[in-house]
Amino acid sequence: MNKGNNALTQAAMKYGTYLGILWIAAFAIYIKALTTPEISLIFLLILVVSPIYAGYLGIKYRKKECGNRLNFISSWALMIIIYLCASLLSAIACYIYFQYMDNGVALSAFKEQIDAYQAMNIGEEMKNALTETYNILANLSAGDICIQYFTSNIFVSTILAPLTALAVYKK
């Protein structure tokens, strides 16, 4: 039993790295889309493809390591570890980007978008909310952004893990 759990953990970490690389690419495209909105469709496509890819990796594990049989609990554990590793890897990349590479580019792009909305006739309450949002964003450190990014990925992963596990398991 321990040998099976070890194989599951190792495979999940390897597959989580693959998914994490995909999420890092999505993050990079999102950052680029702040200044080049035309490529935001690619970001959305990667978001949709990510759980499908995770399911594919789970099925690959089931066929390769389990003789094409994997119970739901093991499948769920596999998906949790895959998503956890992907979340951790992409959060590290997020931290590196905002700490060492961004130099205010993302915040400037947000400011331009907020200014464009404020130029419209959207009402004082909405303008105040946008200004407040910008002030909050301007005061976040790279660590704060990284923690928020990691937390949101974990939250979404807790929803996706049982759903993809349902697609992966086979009696």
N, C-alpha and C. Protein backbone atom coordinates (compact mmCIF):
# COMPACT_ATOMS: atom_id res chain seq x y z
N MET A 1 0.83 -1.20 0.00
CA MET A 1 0.00 0.00 0.00
C MET A 1 0.87 1.26 0.00
N ASN A 2 1.92 1.26 0.81
CA ASN A 2 2.80 2.42 0.88
C ASN A 2 3.50 2.66 -0.46
N LYS A 3 3.87 1.57 -1.15
CA LYS A 3 4.50 1.71 -2.45
C LYS A 3 3.55 2.37 -3.45
N GLY A 4 2.27 2.01 -3.39
CA GLY A 4 1.28 2.61 -4.26
C GLY A 4 1.07 4.08 -3.96
N ASN A 5 1.05 4.44 -2.66
CA ASN A 5 0.90 5.85 -2.28
C ASN A 5 2.10 6.67 -2.72
N ASN A 6 3.30 6.07 -2.61
CA ASN A 6 4.51 6.76 -3.03
C ASN A 6 4.49 7.01 -4.54
N ALA A 7 4.05 6.02 -5.31
CA ALA A 7 3.96 6.18 -6.76
C ALA A 7 2.93 7.24 -7.12
N LEU A 8 1.82 7.25 -6.41
CA LEU A 8 0.79 8.25 -6.65
C LEU A 8 1.32 9.65 -6.36
N THR A 9 1.99 9.80 -5.24
CA THR A 9 2.54 11.12 -4.86
C THR A 9 3.59 11.59 -5.87
N GLN A 10 4.48 10.69 -6.26
CA GLN A 10 5.51 11.07 -7.22
C GLN A 10 4.91 11.47 -8.57
N ALA A 11 3.95 10.68 -9.03
CA ALA A 11 3.32 11.01 -10.32
C ALA A 11 2.55 12.32 -10.20
N ALA A 12 1.85 12.51 -9.10
CA ALA A 12 1.08 13.75 -8.92
C ALA A 12 1.99 14.96 -8.89
N MET A 13 3.13 14.85 -8.25
CA MET A 13 4.07 15.97 -8.21
C MET A 13 4.62 16.25 -9.60
N LYS A 14 4.93 15.20 -10.36
CA LYS A 14 5.43 15.39 -11.72
C LYS A 14 4.35 16.03 -12.59
N TYR A 15 3.14 15.52 -12.52
CA TYR A 15 2.06 16.07 -13.33
C TYR A 15 1.66 17.47 -12.85
N GLY A 16 1.76 17.71 -11.56
CA GLY A 16 1.51 19.05 -11.02
C GLY A 16 2.50 20.06 -11.55
N THR A 17 3.74 19.61 -11.76
CA THR A 17 4.75 20.49 -12.35
C THR A 17 4.36 20.84 -13.78
N TYR A 18 3.89 19.84 -14.54
CA TYR A 18 3.44 20.11 -15.91
C TYR A 18 2.29 21.11 -15.92
N LEU A 19 1.31 20.89 -15.05
CA LEU A 19 0.17 21.81 -14.98
C LEU A 19 0.62 23.19 -14.50
N GLY A 20 1.56 23.23 -13.56
CA GLY A 20 2.10 24.49 -13.07
C GLY A 20 2.77 25.29 -14.17
N ILE A 21 3.48 24.61 -15.04
CA ILE A 21 4.12 25.29 -16.18
C ILE A 21 3.05 25.90 -17.08
N LEU A 22 1.96 25.17 -17.28
CA LEU A 22 0.85 25.71 -18.08
C LEU A 22 0.26 26.94 -17.39
N TRP A 23 0.11 26.88 -16.07
CA TRP A 23 -0.43 28.03 -15.33
C TRP A 23 0.52 29.22 -15.36
N ILE A 24 1.82 28.96 -15.34
CA ILE A 24 2.79 30.05 -15.44
C ILE A 24 2.67 30.71 -16.81
N ALA A 25 2.49 29.90 -17.85
CA ALA A 25 2.29 30.46 -19.18
C ALA A 25 1.02 31.31 -19.21
N ALA A 26 -0.04 30.83 -18.57
CA ALA A 26 -1.28 31.61 -18.51
C ALA A 26 -1.07 32.92 -17.76
N PHE A 27 -0.31 32.87 -16.67
CA PHE A 27 -0.01 34.08 -15.91
C PHE A 27 0.76 35.08 -16.77
N ALA A 28 1.76 34.59 -17.50
CA ALA A 28 2.56 35.46 -18.37
C ALA A 28 1.69 36.08 -19.46
N ILE A 29 0.79 35.29 -20.02
CA ILE A 29 -0.10 35.82 -21.05
C ILE A 29 -1.07 36.84 -20.46
N TYR A 30 -1.54 36.59 -19.24
CA TYR A 30 -2.42 37.55 -18.57
C TYR A 30 -1.71 38.89 -18.37
N ILE A 31 -0.48 38.83 -17.90
CA ILE A 31 0.30 40.06 -17.69
C ILE A 31 0.49 40.79 -19.01
N LYS A 32 0.82 40.05 -20.05
CA LYS A 32 0.98 40.67 -21.38
C LYS A 32 -0.34 41.23 -21.89
N ALA A 33 -1.45 40.55 -21.57
CA ALA A 33 -2.77 41.00 -22.03
C ALA A 33 -3.19 42.31 -21.38
N LEU A 34 -2.56 42.68 -20.26
CA LEU A 34 -2.88 43.97 -19.65
C LEU A 34 -2.53 45.13 -20.57
N THR A 35 -1.48 44.95 -21.36
CA THR A 35 -1.08 45.99 -22.29
C THR A 35 -1.43 45.66 -23.74
N THR A 36 -1.74 44.39 -24.01
CA THR A 36 -2.13 43.94 -25.35
C THR A 36 -3.40 43.11 -25.22
N PRO A 37 -4.56 43.75 -25.15
CA PRO A 37 -5.81 43.03 -24.88
C PRO A 37 -6.18 41.96 -25.90
N GLU A 38 -5.62 42.03 -27.09
CA GLU A 38 -5.95 41.07 -28.14
C GLU A 38 -5.59 39.63 -27.76
N ILE A 39 -4.62 39.46 -26.88
CA ILE A 39 -4.20 38.10 -26.54
C ILE A 39 -4.90 37.54 -25.30
N SER A 40 -5.84 38.29 -24.75
CA SER A 40 -6.54 37.80 -23.56
C SER A 40 -7.38 36.56 -23.87
N LEU A 41 -7.75 36.34 -25.11
CA LEU A 41 -8.47 35.13 -25.49
C LEU A 41 -7.61 33.89 -25.27
N ILE A 42 -6.32 34.02 -25.50
CA ILE A 42 -5.40 32.89 -25.26
C ILE A 42 -5.39 32.56 -23.77
N PHE A 43 -5.37 33.58 -22.93
CA PHE A 43 -5.43 33.36 -21.48
C PHE A 43 -6.70 32.61 -21.10
N LEU A 44 -7.84 33.04 -21.61
CA LEU A 44 -9.11 32.38 -21.31
C LEU A 44 -9.13 30.94 -21.82
N LEU A 45 -8.54 30.71 -22.97
CA LEU A 45 -8.45 29.35 -23.52
C LEU A 45 -7.64 28.44 -22.59
N ILE A 46 -6.53 28.94 -22.09
CA ILE A 46 -5.71 28.15 -21.17
C ILE A 46 -6.48 27.86 -19.88
N LEU A 47 -7.26 28.82 -19.39
CA LEU A 47 -8.07 28.59 -18.20
C LEU A 47 -9.06 27.45 -18.41
N VAL A 48 -9.66 27.39 -19.58
CA VAL A 48 -10.62 26.33 -19.87
C VAL A 48 -9.93 24.99 -20.07
N VAL A 49 -8.77 25.01 -20.70
CA VAL A 49 -8.05 23.78 -21.01
C VAL A 49 -7.39 23.16 -19.77
N SER A 50 -7.06 23.97 -18.77
CA SER A 50 -6.32 23.48 -17.60
C SER A 50 -6.96 22.29 -16.89
N PRO A 51 -8.24 22.33 -16.53
CA PRO A 51 -8.81 21.15 -15.88
C PRO A 51 -8.91 19.94 -16.81
N ILE A 52 -9.08 20.20 -18.10
CA ILE A 52 -9.10 19.10 -19.07
C ILE A 52 -7.73 18.45 -19.13
N TYR A 53 -6.69 19.28 -19.13
CA TYR A 53 -5.32 18.76 -19.13
C TYR A 53 -5.02 17.99 -17.84
N ALA A 54 -5.49 18.51 -16.71
CA ALA A 54 -5.29 17.80 -15.44
C ALA A 54 -5.99 16.44 -15.48
N GLY A 55 -7.19 16.40 -16.03
CA GLY A 55 -7.89 15.13 -16.18
C GLY A 55 -7.14 14.18 -17.09
N TYR A 56 -6.60 14.70 -18.17
CA TYR A 56 -5.79 13.88 -19.08
C TYR A 56 -4.59 13.28 -18.35
N LEU A 57 -3.93 14.10 -17.53
CA LEU A 57 -2.78 13.60 -16.78
C LEU A 57 -3.20 12.52 -15.79
N GLY A 58 -4.35 12.70 -15.15
CA GLY A 58 -4.87 11.69 -14.23
C GLY A 58 -5.19 10.39 -14.93
N ILE A 59 -5.81 10.48 -16.10
CA ILE A 59 -6.11 9.27 -16.88
C ILE A 59 -4.83 8.59 -17.33
N LYS A 60 -3.84 9.38 -17.69
CA LYS A 60 -2.54 8.84 -18.08
C LYS A 60 -1.93 8.05 -16.92
N TYR A 61 -2.01 8.61 -15.71
CA TYR A 61 -1.52 7.90 -14.52
C TYR A 61 -2.30 6.61 -14.30
N ARG A 62 -3.63 6.71 -14.39
CA ARG A 62 -4.47 5.53 -14.18
C ARG A 62 -4.11 4.41 -15.13
N LYS A 63 -3.91 4.73 -16.40
CA LYS A 63 -3.60 3.71 -17.41
C LYS A 63 -2.18 3.17 -17.26
N LYS A 64 -1.25 4.05 -16.93
CA LYS A 64 0.16 3.65 -16.87
C LYS A 64 0.52 2.93 -15.57
N GLU A 65 0.03 3.42 -14.45
CA GLU A 65 0.45 2.91 -13.15
C GLU A 65 -0.56 2.00 -12.45
N CYS A 66 -1.80 2.03 -12.86
CA CYS A 66 -2.85 1.34 -12.09
C CYS A 66 -3.59 0.27 -12.88
N GLY A 67 -3.08 -0.12 -14.02
CA GLY A 67 -3.76 -1.13 -14.81
C GLY A 67 -5.15 -0.67 -15.24
N ASN A 68 -5.31 0.61 -15.48
CA ASN A 68 -6.55 1.23 -15.92
C ASN A 68 -7.68 1.15 -14.89
N ARG A 69 -7.32 0.99 -13.62
CA ARG A 69 -8.31 0.97 -12.53
C ARG A 69 -7.80 1.87 -11.41
N LEU A 70 -8.64 2.80 -11.01
CA LEU A 70 -8.28 3.72 -9.94
C LEU A 70 -9.55 4.11 -9.20
N ASN A 71 -9.58 3.88 -7.90
CA ASN A 71 -10.79 4.22 -7.14
C ASN A 71 -10.89 5.74 -6.99
N PHE A 72 -12.08 6.17 -6.58
CA PHE A 72 -12.35 7.61 -6.52
C PHE A 72 -11.46 8.33 -5.50
N ILE A 73 -11.26 7.73 -4.33
CA ILE A 73 -10.46 8.39 -3.30
C ILE A 73 -9.02 8.59 -3.78
N SER A 74 -8.45 7.57 -4.39
CA SER A 74 -7.09 7.71 -4.93
C SER A 74 -7.05 8.73 -6.06
N SER A 75 -8.08 8.72 -6.87
CA SER A 75 -8.16 9.69 -7.96
C SER A 75 -8.25 11.11 -7.42
N TRP A 76 -9.04 11.28 -6.36
CA TRP A 76 -9.20 12.59 -5.74
C TRP A 76 -7.88 13.05 -5.11
N ALA A 77 -7.20 12.12 -4.44
CA ALA A 77 -5.90 12.46 -3.84
C ALA A 77 -4.90 12.87 -4.92
N LEU A 78 -4.90 12.15 -6.02
CA LEU A 78 -4.03 12.48 -7.14
C LEU A 78 -4.31 13.89 -7.64
N MET A 79 -5.57 14.22 -7.83
CA MET A 79 -5.93 15.54 -8.35
C MET A 79 -5.60 16.64 -7.35
N ILE A 80 -5.82 16.38 -6.06
CA ILE A 80 -5.49 17.39 -5.04
C ILE A 80 -4.00 17.71 -5.08
N ILE A 81 -3.17 16.68 -5.15
CA ILE A 81 -1.72 16.91 -5.17
C ILE A 81 -1.29 17.59 -6.46
N ILE A 82 -1.88 17.19 -7.58
CA ILE A 82 -1.55 17.85 -8.86
C ILE A 82 -1.87 19.34 -8.77
N TYR A 83 -3.07 19.67 -8.32
CA TYR A 83 -3.45 21.08 -8.23
C TYR A 83 -2.63 21.83 -7.19
N LEU A 84 -2.31 21.19 -6.08
CA LEU A 84 -1.50 21.84 -5.05
C LEU A 84 -0.11 22.17 -5.59
N CYS A 85 0.51 21.22 -6.26
CA CYS A 85 1.84 21.48 -6.83
C CYS A 85 1.80 22.56 -7.90
N ALA A 86 0.78 22.53 -8.74
CA ALA A 86 0.64 23.55 -9.77
C ALA A 86 0.43 24.93 -9.14
N SER A 87 -0.38 24.98 -8.09
CA SER A 87 -0.63 26.25 -7.41
C SER A 87 0.64 26.80 -6.78
N LEU A 88 1.39 25.94 -6.14
CA LEU A 88 2.63 26.36 -5.50
C LEU A 88 3.65 26.85 -6.52
N LEU A 89 3.81 26.12 -7.59
CA LEU A 89 4.77 26.51 -8.62
C LEU A 89 4.39 27.83 -9.28
N SER A 90 3.11 27.99 -9.60
CA SER A 90 2.69 29.24 -10.25
C SER A 90 2.75 30.42 -9.28
N ALA A 91 2.51 30.18 -7.99
CA ALA A 91 2.62 31.26 -7.00
C ALA A 91 4.08 31.71 -6.86
N ILE A 92 5.00 30.78 -6.92
CA ILE A 92 6.43 31.14 -6.88
C ILE A 92 6.79 32.00 -8.09
N ALA A 93 6.30 31.61 -9.25
CA ALA A 93 6.56 32.41 -10.46
C ALA A 93 5.94 33.79 -10.34
N CYS A 94 4.74 33.87 -9.76
CA CYS A 94 4.07 35.15 -9.54
C CYS A 94 4.92 36.03 -8.63
N TYR A 95 5.43 35.46 -7.55
CA TYR A 95 6.26 36.22 -6.63
C TYR A 95 7.51 36.74 -7.33
N ILE A 96 8.18 35.88 -8.07
CA ILE A 96 9.41 36.28 -8.78
C ILE A 96 9.10 37.42 -9.75
N TYR A 97 7.99 37.30 -10.46
CA TYR A 97 7.63 38.35 -11.41
C TYR A 97 7.41 39.69 -10.70
N PHE A 98 6.56 39.70 -9.69
CA PHE A 98 6.23 40.98 -9.05
C PHE A 98 7.38 41.53 -8.20
N GLN A 99 8.22 40.66 -7.69
CA GLN A 99 9.33 41.13 -6.87
C GLN A 99 10.48 41.68 -7.71
N TYR A 100 10.77 41.00 -8.83
CA TYR A 100 12.00 41.33 -9.56
C TYR A 100 11.80 41.83 -10.99
N MET A 101 10.64 41.61 -11.59
CA MET A 101 10.53 41.89 -13.01
C MET A 101 9.50 42.96 -13.37
N ASP A 102 8.46 43.14 -12.60
CA ASP A 102 7.32 43.98 -12.97
C ASP A 102 7.66 45.46 -13.05
N ASN A 103 8.30 45.99 -12.03
CA ASN A 103 8.64 47.41 -11.98
C ASN A 103 7.44 48.32 -12.21
N GLY A 104 6.27 47.92 -11.71
CA GLY A 104 5.08 48.76 -11.80
C GLY A 104 4.30 48.67 -13.10
N VAL A 105 4.69 47.79 -14.00
CA VAL A 105 4.01 47.68 -15.29
C VAL A 105 2.55 47.27 -15.11
N ALA A 106 2.30 46.24 -14.32
CA ALA A 106 0.92 45.76 -14.12
C ALA A 106 0.06 46.83 -13.46
N LEU A 107 0.59 47.49 -12.45
CA LEU A 107 -0.16 48.54 -11.76
C LEU A 107 -0.48 49.69 -12.70
N SER A 108 0.47 50.07 -13.55
CA SER A 108 0.23 51.13 -14.53
C SER A 108 -0.87 50.74 -15.52
N ALA A 109 -0.85 49.48 -15.94
CA ALA A 109 -1.89 49.01 -16.86
C ALA A 109 -3.26 49.03 -16.19
N PHE A 110 -3.31 48.61 -14.91
CA PHE A 110 -4.57 48.70 -14.17
C PHE A 110 -5.03 50.15 -14.06
N LYS A 111 -4.10 51.04 -13.80
CA LYS A 111 -4.44 52.47 -13.65
C LYS A 111 -5.02 53.01 -14.96
N GLU A 112 -4.44 52.63 -16.09
CA GLU A 112 -4.96 53.07 -17.38
C GLU A 112 -6.37 52.55 -17.60
N GLN A 113 -6.62 51.29 -17.24
CA GLN A 113 -7.97 50.73 -17.39
C GLN A 113 -8.96 51.44 -16.48
N ILE A 114 -8.55 51.70 -15.25
CA ILE A 114 -9.42 52.40 -14.30
C ILE A 114 -9.70 53.81 -14.80
N ASP A 115 -8.68 54.50 -15.31
CA ASP A 115 -8.88 55.85 -15.83
C ASP A 115 -9.86 55.84 -17.01
N ALA A 116 -9.76 54.82 -17.85
CA ALA A 116 -10.69 54.72 -18.99
C ALA A 116 -12.12 54.54 -18.51
N TYR A 117 -12.32 53.71 -17.48
CA TYR A 117 -13.67 53.53 -16.93
C TYR A 117 -14.17 54.80 -16.26
N GLN A 118 -13.27 55.50 -15.56
CA GLN A 118 -13.69 56.72 -14.87
C GLN A 118 -14.03 57.84 -15.84
N ALA A 119 -13.47 57.80 -17.04
CA ALA A 119 -13.79 58.80 -18.05
C ALA A 119 -15.21 58.62 -18.59
N MET A 120 -15.74 57.42 -18.43
CA MET A 120 -17.12 57.16 -18.86
C MET A 120 -18.09 57.72 -17.83
N ASN A 121 -19.33 57.79 -18.21
CA ASN A 121 -20.37 58.26 -17.31
C ASN A 121 -20.87 57.09 -16.47
N ILE A 122 -20.10 56.73 -15.42
CA ILE A 122 -20.42 55.54 -14.63
C ILE A 122 -20.95 55.86 -13.24
N GLY A 123 -20.97 57.10 -12.86
CA GLY A 123 -21.48 57.47 -11.54
C GLY A 123 -20.37 57.61 -10.52
N GLU A 124 -20.63 58.43 -9.51
CA GLU A 124 -19.63 58.74 -8.48
C GLU A 124 -19.27 57.53 -7.63
N GLU A 125 -20.26 56.70 -7.28
CA GLU A 125 -19.98 55.53 -6.44
C GLU A 125 -19.01 54.58 -7.12
N MET A 126 -19.23 54.35 -8.41
CA MET A 126 -18.35 53.45 -9.16
C MET A 126 -16.96 54.05 -9.29
N LYS A 127 -16.88 55.35 -9.54
CA LYS A 127 -15.58 56.02 -9.64
C LYS A 127 -14.82 55.92 -8.32
N ASN A 128 -15.52 56.11 -7.21
CA ASN A 128 -14.88 55.99 -5.89
C ASN A 128 -14.42 54.56 -5.62
N ALA A 129 -15.23 53.59 -6.03
CA ALA A 129 -14.86 52.19 -5.84
C ALA A 129 -13.61 51.84 -6.65
N LEU A 130 -13.55 52.33 -7.88
CA LEU A 130 -12.37 52.08 -8.71
C LEU A 130 -11.12 52.73 -8.12
N THR A 131 -11.25 53.94 -7.62
CA THR A 131 -10.12 54.62 -6.99
C THR A 131 -9.66 53.86 -5.75
N GLU A 132 -10.61 53.40 -4.96
CA GLU A 132 -10.27 52.63 -3.76
C GLU A 132 -9.59 51.31 -4.13
N THR A 133 -10.07 50.66 -5.17
CA THR A 133 -9.45 49.42 -5.64
C THR A 133 -8.01 49.67 -6.07
N TYR A 134 -7.80 50.75 -6.81
CA TYR A 134 -6.44 51.08 -7.24
C TYR A 134 -5.53 51.33 -6.04
N ASN A 135 -6.02 52.06 -5.05
CA ASN A 135 -5.21 52.35 -3.86
C ASN A 135 -4.85 51.07 -3.11
N ILE A 136 -5.77 50.14 -3.04
CA ILE A 136 -5.48 48.85 -2.40
C ILE A 136 -4.40 48.11 -3.18
N LEU A 137 -4.56 48.06 -4.50
CA LEU A 137 -3.58 47.36 -5.34
C LEU A 137 -2.20 47.99 -5.25
N ALA A 138 -2.17 49.32 -5.18
CA ALA A 138 -0.89 50.03 -5.13
C ALA A 138 -0.13 49.73 -3.84
N ASN A 139 -0.83 49.35 -2.79
CA ASN A 139 -0.18 49.09 -1.50
C ASN A 139 0.15 47.63 -1.25
N LEU A 140 -0.11 46.76 -2.22
CA LEU A 140 0.21 45.34 -2.04
C LEU A 140 1.68 45.08 -2.37
N SER A 141 2.31 44.26 -1.56
CA SER A 141 3.69 43.84 -1.84
C SER A 141 3.65 42.62 -2.74
N ALA A 142 4.81 42.24 -3.26
CA ALA A 142 4.90 41.03 -4.08
C ALA A 142 4.46 39.80 -3.29
N GLY A 143 4.81 39.76 -2.01
CA GLY A 143 4.39 38.65 -1.15
C GLY A 143 2.89 38.61 -0.97
N ASP A 144 2.26 39.78 -0.80
CA ASP A 144 0.80 39.85 -0.66
C ASP A 144 0.11 39.33 -1.92
N ILE A 145 0.60 39.77 -3.07
CA ILE A 145 0.02 39.33 -4.34
C ILE A 145 0.19 37.83 -4.51
N CYS A 146 1.37 37.34 -4.17
CA CYS A 146 1.66 35.90 -4.28
C CYS A 146 0.72 35.08 -3.39
N ILE A 147 0.53 35.51 -2.16
CA ILE A 147 -0.36 34.80 -1.23
C ILE A 147 -1.79 34.81 -1.76
N GLN A 148 -2.23 35.95 -2.25
CA GLN A 148 -3.59 36.04 -2.81
C GLN A 148 -3.74 35.14 -4.02
N TYR A 149 -2.76 35.13 -4.89
CA TYR A 149 -2.77 34.29 -6.09
C TYR A 149 -2.80 32.82 -5.70
N PHE A 150 -1.96 32.42 -4.76
CA PHE A 150 -1.92 31.04 -4.29
C PHE A 150 -3.25 30.65 -3.66
N THR A 151 -3.79 31.51 -2.81
CA THR A 151 -5.05 31.23 -2.14
C THR A 151 -6.20 31.07 -3.13
N SER A 152 -6.26 31.94 -4.12
CA SER A 152 -7.34 31.82 -5.10
C SER A 152 -7.18 30.56 -5.94
N ASN A 153 -5.94 30.18 -6.28
CA ASN A 153 -5.72 28.93 -7.00
C ASN A 153 -6.14 27.72 -6.17
N ILE A 154 -5.83 27.74 -4.88
CA ILE A 154 -6.23 26.64 -4.00
C ILE A 154 -7.75 26.56 -3.90
N PHE A 155 -8.40 27.71 -3.78
CA PHE A 155 -9.86 27.73 -3.69
C PHE A 155 -10.48 27.10 -4.94
N VAL A 156 -10.04 27.53 -6.10
CA VAL A 156 -10.57 26.98 -7.35
C VAL A 156 -10.22 25.49 -7.46
N SER A 157 -9.04 25.12 -7.01
CA SER A 157 -8.62 23.72 -7.07
C SER A 157 -9.47 22.82 -6.20
N THR A 158 -9.95 23.33 -5.06
CA THR A 158 -10.81 22.50 -4.21
C THR A 158 -12.14 22.20 -4.90
N ILE A 159 -12.53 23.04 -5.81
CA ILE A 159 -13.74 22.78 -6.60
C ILE A 159 -13.43 21.85 -7.77
N LEU A 160 -12.29 22.08 -8.41
CA LEU A 160 -11.93 21.29 -9.59
C LEU A 160 -11.48 19.87 -9.26
N ALA A 161 -10.82 19.67 -8.12
CA ALA A 161 -10.26 18.36 -7.80
C ALA A 161 -11.30 17.24 -7.79
N PRO A 162 -12.41 17.38 -7.07
CA PRO A 162 -13.38 16.27 -7.11
C PRO A 162 -14.04 16.09 -8.48
N LEU A 163 -14.20 17.20 -9.21
CA LEU A 163 -14.80 17.10 -10.54
C LEU A 163 -13.89 16.35 -11.51
N THR A 164 -12.61 16.70 -11.51
CA THR A 164 -11.68 15.99 -12.39
C THR A 164 -11.45 14.56 -11.89
N ALA A 165 -11.51 14.37 -10.58
CA ALA A 165 -11.36 13.00 -10.04
C ALA A 165 -12.50 12.11 -10.54
N LEU A 166 -13.69 12.66 -10.66
CA LEU A 166 -14.82 11.89 -11.21
C LEU A 166 -14.53 11.44 -12.64
N ALA A 167 -13.88 12.29 -13.40
CA ALA A 167 -13.54 11.94 -14.78
C ALA A 167 -12.40 10.94 -14.85
N VAL A 168 -11.54 10.91 -13.85
CA VAL A 168 -10.34 10.07 -13.88
C VAL A 168 -10.59 8.66 -13.34
N TYR A 169 -11.38 8.56 -12.27
CA TYR A 169 -11.49 7.25 -11.62
C TYR A 169 -12.22 6.25 -12.50
N LYS A 170 -11.87 4.98 -12.29
CA LYS A 170 -12.50 3.89 -13.02
C LYS A 170 -12.43 2.65 -12.16
N LYS A 171 -13.57 2.01 -11.99
CA LYS A 171 -13.64 0.79 -11.16
C LYS A 171 -12.96 -0.37 -11.83
